[in-house]
Amino acid sequence: MVRLVEEKIIFDSRWRRKIALAMQLPQISHLKNSSIPQTRVRRPRQVHMVLLAVIALALSGCGDTREPAASGGGDLPTGLPQAELAAAFEASSAAIFEARTAAELAQIRAGNQVSLAPSDSGLRVVATGNDPSVALPPFAAGKKFILQITIDSPADTGIQLFYLAGGATDYSNAASHSYVSARGANVIYFGIDAPGVKDPLRLDPGYTPGEYTIRSVVAREWAR
């Protein structure tokens, strides 16, 4: 923090000097050379343009200096802590939906930038871009639940679940939860308690191309 403040002070002082110099650009009223007729020299129009450019550049450097958020889910996570959701999931015995076998997982439908194929481990999801998605089977309408996703990821990335609620017809980041996922096996929990949830849920398995494997999808009632 101290370093950032020091850098900003140095930055501001440098630009104050530059602006001061720009303000002192030629204000000569008469030429001194006696061999040239003495005529009034007007401030060139370019001077004003340079001054405006210097001020604009200085102001642009005084804003937020944080690096932009990563692509995809942006800042992660955006839901309740995983430990809290896992405890609530284990405490619930009311199953809403389960898909653990290749046949059950085959109910999942391809969305954006993916191809699906059954595998011995579950459902193979091959992502061809950085915004892959699948549609989960219908089970969510009008319910409050915790969803457990067991998934293998090809890289350190993130996973995001979108839902529709009320009169919404398009998925949005505001109606979603996202978490960090690591390369290899992951068990991720999502808590959905919005009123008027509609099917289907959209699952983005990651933010990078590669081969993912969904091993199971389990939803249990969330009493809260």
Protein backbone atom coordinates (compact mmCIF):
# COMPACT_ATOMS: atom_id res chain seq x y z
CA MET A 1 0.00 0.00 0.00
CA VAL A 2 2.85 2.41 0.94
CA ARG A 3 4.56 1.67 -2.35
CA LEU A 4 1.38 2.41 -4.30
CA VAL A 5 0.96 5.74 -2.49
CA GLU A 6 4.60 6.68 -3.13
CA GLU A 7 4.27 5.78 -6.83
CA LYS A 8 1.10 7.85 -7.12
CA ILE A 9 2.77 10.86 -5.44
CA ILE A 10 5.72 10.59 -7.83
CA PHE A 11 3.34 10.19 -10.78
CA ASP A 12 1.23 13.22 -9.76
CA SER A 13 4.28 15.42 -9.19
CA ARG A 14 5.71 14.52 -12.58
CA TRP A 15 2.47 15.41 -14.32
CA ARG A 16 2.16 18.66 -12.35
CA ARG A 17 5.57 19.66 -13.73
CA LYS A 18 4.53 18.72 -17.25
CA ILE A 19 1.30 20.68 -16.98
CA ALA A 20 3.21 23.65 -15.57
CA LEU A 21 5.62 23.53 -18.51
CA ALA A 22 2.70 23.32 -20.92
CA MET A 23 1.18 26.41 -19.31
CA GLN A 24 4.47 28.23 -19.89
CA LEU A 25 4.57 27.53 -23.63
CA PRO A 26 5.49 30.61 -25.68
CA GLN A 27 3.76 33.73 -24.44
CA ILE A 28 6.15 36.03 -26.34
CA SER A 29 4.55 39.29 -27.32
CA HIS A 30 7.37 40.59 -29.52
CA LEU A 31 10.40 39.15 -31.29
CA LYS A 32 13.81 40.30 -30.06
CA ASN A 33 15.71 40.00 -33.33
CA SER A 34 16.11 43.55 -34.66
CA SER A 35 16.59 42.26 -38.20
CA ILE A 36 13.05 40.92 -38.28
CA PRO A 37 10.05 43.22 -38.12
CA GLN A 38 8.59 43.11 -34.64
CA THR A 39 5.14 41.62 -34.85
CA ARG A 40 2.88 40.17 -32.17
CA VAL A 41 3.15 36.39 -31.97
CA ARG A 42 -0.14 34.65 -31.22
CA ARG A 43 -0.26 31.46 -29.19
CA PRO A 44 -0.46 28.70 -31.79
CA ARG A 45 -3.61 26.60 -31.77
CA GLN A 46 -1.43 23.51 -31.39
CA VAL A 47 -0.39 24.75 -27.94
CA HIS A 48 -3.93 24.45 -26.67
CA MET A 49 -4.23 20.97 -28.16
CA VAL A 50 -0.99 19.88 -26.47
CA LEU A 51 -2.15 21.33 -23.17
CA LEU A 52 -5.47 19.48 -23.35
CA ALA A 53 -3.70 16.24 -24.25
CA VAL A 54 -1.29 16.59 -21.32
CA ILE A 55 -4.13 17.25 -18.86
CA ALA A 56 -6.19 14.35 -20.22
CA LEU A 57 -3.23 11.97 -19.97
CA ALA A 58 -2.50 13.10 -16.44
CA LEU A 59 -6.09 12.60 -15.36
CA SER A 60 -6.22 9.15 -16.97
CA GLY A 61 -3.34 8.05 -14.78
CA CYS A 62 -5.11 9.08 -11.59
CA GLY A 63 -7.88 6.51 -11.82
CA ASP A 64 -8.09 2.91 -10.69
CA THR A 65 -4.71 1.25 -11.18
CA ARG A 66 -5.88 -2.29 -10.44
CA GLU A 67 -5.46 -4.90 -13.13
CA PRO A 68 -8.65 -5.93 -14.96
CA ALA A 69 -10.50 -8.97 -13.68
CA ALA A 70 -9.76 -12.23 -15.36
CA SER A 71 -12.09 -13.36 -18.17
CA GLY A 72 -15.00 -15.74 -17.64
CA GLY A 73 -16.50 -15.64 -14.20
CA GLY A 74 -14.54 -12.66 -13.25
CA ASP A 75 -13.80 -12.34 -9.44
CA LEU A 76 -14.22 -15.77 -7.83
CA PRO A 77 -15.96 -17.00 -5.78
CA THR A 78 -19.39 -15.33 -5.92
CA GLY A 79 -21.47 -17.66 -3.75
CA LEU A 80 -21.55 -18.84 -0.14
CA PRO A 81 -18.41 -20.55 1.20
CA GLN A 82 -17.96 -24.12 0.01
CA ALA A 83 -17.64 -25.47 3.56
CA GLU A 84 -21.00 -23.99 4.52
CA LEU A 85 -22.72 -25.41 1.43
CA ALA A 86 -21.09 -28.82 1.87
CA ALA A 87 -22.31 -29.02 5.47
CA ALA A 88 -25.85 -28.10 4.45
CA PHE A 89 -25.74 -30.66 1.63
CA GLU A 90 -24.66 -33.44 3.98
CA ALA A 91 -27.31 -32.44 6.50
CA SER A 92 -30.09 -32.79 3.93
CA SER A 93 -31.58 -36.19 3.19
CA ALA A 94 -34.20 -34.99 0.70
CA ALA A 95 -32.84 -35.80 -2.74
CA ILE A 96 -34.26 -33.80 -5.64
CA PHE A 97 -32.13 -35.15 -8.47
CA GLU A 98 -29.26 -37.58 -8.97
CA ALA A 99 -27.19 -38.44 -12.02
CA ARG A 100 -24.26 -40.71 -11.28
CA THR A 101 -24.08 -43.17 -14.16
CA ALA A 102 -23.23 -42.55 -17.81
CA ALA A 103 -26.86 -43.21 -18.75
CA GLU A 104 -28.17 -40.70 -16.19
CA LEU A 105 -25.57 -38.09 -17.11
CA ALA A 106 -26.57 -38.46 -20.78
CA GLN A 107 -29.60 -36.29 -19.92
CA ILE A 108 -27.25 -33.30 -19.91
CA ARG A 109 -27.45 -31.34 -23.16
CA ALA A 110 -24.66 -29.56 -25.04
CA GLY A 111 -24.72 -25.80 -24.98
CA ASN A 112 -22.01 -23.46 -26.25
CA GLN A 113 -18.57 -24.54 -27.52
CA VAL A 114 -18.82 -28.17 -26.35
CA SER A 115 -19.23 -31.70 -27.58
CA LEU A 116 -20.46 -34.46 -25.25
CA ALA A 117 -19.72 -38.17 -25.16
CA PRO A 118 -20.24 -40.88 -22.52
CA SER A 119 -17.15 -42.29 -20.83
CA ASP A 120 -16.35 -44.92 -18.21
CA SER A 121 -15.95 -42.11 -15.68
CA GLY A 122 -19.12 -40.22 -16.52
CA LEU A 123 -19.82 -37.60 -19.19
CA ARG A 124 -16.90 -36.33 -21.25
CA VAL A 125 -17.22 -32.64 -22.11
CA VAL A 126 -14.79 -31.37 -24.75
CA ALA A 127 -14.63 -27.58 -24.68
CA THR A 128 -13.51 -25.96 -27.93
CA GLY A 129 -13.43 -22.38 -26.60
CA ASN A 130 -13.19 -20.36 -23.39
CA ASP A 131 -16.96 -20.09 -22.83
CA PRO A 132 -18.26 -23.69 -22.80
CA SER A 133 -21.66 -24.51 -21.33
CA VAL A 134 -24.12 -27.37 -20.86
CA ALA A 135 -27.80 -27.48 -19.88
CA LEU A 136 -28.68 -29.64 -16.88
CA PRO A 137 -31.78 -31.88 -16.86
CA PRO A 138 -35.01 -30.32 -15.54
CA PHE A 139 -35.37 -30.62 -11.78
CA ALA A 140 -34.97 -27.09 -10.38
CA ALA A 141 -38.32 -25.41 -11.07
CA GLY A 142 -39.75 -23.77 -7.94
CA LYS A 143 -37.24 -25.43 -5.61
CA LYS A 144 -34.53 -24.33 -3.20
CA PHE A 145 -31.60 -26.70 -3.28
CA ILE A 146 -27.89 -27.34 -2.98
CA LEU A 147 -26.28 -28.78 -6.09
CA GLN A 148 -23.16 -30.93 -5.87
CA ILE A 149 -21.06 -31.21 -9.05
CA THR A 150 -18.20 -33.71 -9.19
CA ILE A 151 -16.00 -32.81 -12.12
CA ASP A 152 -12.50 -33.34 -13.50
CA SER A 153 -10.88 -30.24 -14.97
CA PRO A 154 -7.98 -30.04 -17.45
CA ALA A 155 -6.55 -26.89 -15.81
CA ASP A 156 -6.86 -24.48 -12.91
CA THR A 157 -9.91 -22.48 -13.89
CA GLY A 158 -13.40 -21.71 -12.56
CA ILE A 159 -16.89 -23.20 -12.72
CA GLN A 160 -20.13 -21.22 -12.92
CA LEU A 161 -23.81 -22.07 -12.53
CA PHE A 162 -26.52 -19.85 -14.05
CA TYR A 163 -30.21 -19.94 -13.20
CA LEU A 164 -33.38 -18.26 -14.44
CA ALA A 165 -35.79 -16.77 -11.90
CA GLY A 166 -38.96 -14.72 -12.03
CA GLY A 167 -39.57 -13.32 -15.50
CA ALA A 168 -35.96 -13.67 -16.66
CA THR A 169 -35.48 -15.25 -20.08
CA ASP A 170 -31.72 -14.76 -20.49
CA TYR A 171 -28.88 -15.96 -18.30
CA SER A 172 -26.80 -13.27 -16.62
CA ASN A 173 -23.86 -13.03 -14.22
CA ALA A 174 -26.16 -11.42 -11.66
CA ALA A 175 -28.13 -14.69 -11.46
CA SER A 176 -25.18 -17.05 -11.15
CA HIS A 177 -22.61 -18.43 -8.72
CA SER A 178 -18.99 -19.20 -9.55
CA TYR A 179 -16.08 -20.85 -7.79
CA VAL A 180 -12.45 -21.69 -8.41
CA SER A 181 -11.74 -25.20 -9.67
CA ALA A 182 -8.37 -26.90 -9.80
CA ARG A 183 -6.76 -29.16 -12.34
CA GLY A 184 -7.90 -32.72 -11.64
CA ALA A 185 -10.82 -33.83 -9.47
CA ASN A 186 -13.18 -31.28 -7.91
CA VAL A 187 -16.34 -31.41 -5.80
CA ILE A 188 -18.16 -28.07 -6.06
CA TYR A 189 -21.37 -27.00 -4.30
CA PHE A 190 -23.90 -24.39 -5.45
CA GLY A 191 -26.74 -23.05 -3.32
CA ILE A 192 -29.86 -21.86 -5.16
CA ASP A 193 -32.66 -20.29 -3.11
CA ALA A 194 -33.99 -17.60 -5.44
CA PRO A 195 -37.79 -17.47 -5.70
CA GLY A 196 -39.37 -18.70 -8.92
CA VAL A 197 -36.39 -20.62 -10.31
CA LYS A 198 -36.99 -22.14 -13.75
CA ASP A 199 -35.34 -24.89 -15.75
CA PRO A 200 -32.88 -25.48 -17.23
CA LEU A 201 -29.84 -24.58 -15.18
CA ARG A 202 -26.81 -23.68 -17.25
CA LEU A 203 -23.43 -24.99 -16.12
CA ASP A 204 -20.17 -23.56 -17.46
CA PRO A 205 -17.64 -26.29 -16.55
CA GLY A 206 -14.61 -24.02 -17.02
CA TYR A 207 -13.14 -20.99 -18.75
CA THR A 208 -10.54 -22.74 -20.85
CA PRO A 209 -10.61 -25.22 -23.74
CA GLY A 210 -9.91 -28.84 -22.97
CA GLU A 211 -11.51 -32.06 -21.80
CA TYR A 212 -13.68 -32.05 -18.69
CA THR A 213 -15.44 -35.05 -17.15
CA ILE A 214 -18.65 -34.62 -15.18
CA ARG A 215 -18.77 -37.58 -12.79
CA SER A 216 -21.99 -36.80 -10.95
CA VAL A 217 -24.71 -34.22 -10.48
CA VAL A 218 -26.72 -34.40 -7.24
CA ALA A 219 -29.29 -31.92 -5.89
CA ARG A 220 -30.73 -31.95 -2.39
CA GLU A 221 -33.41 -29.82 -0.81
CA TRP A 222 -32.12 -26.75 1.01
CA ALA A 223 -34.12 -25.99 4.15
CA ARG A 224 -33.49 -22.37 5.10
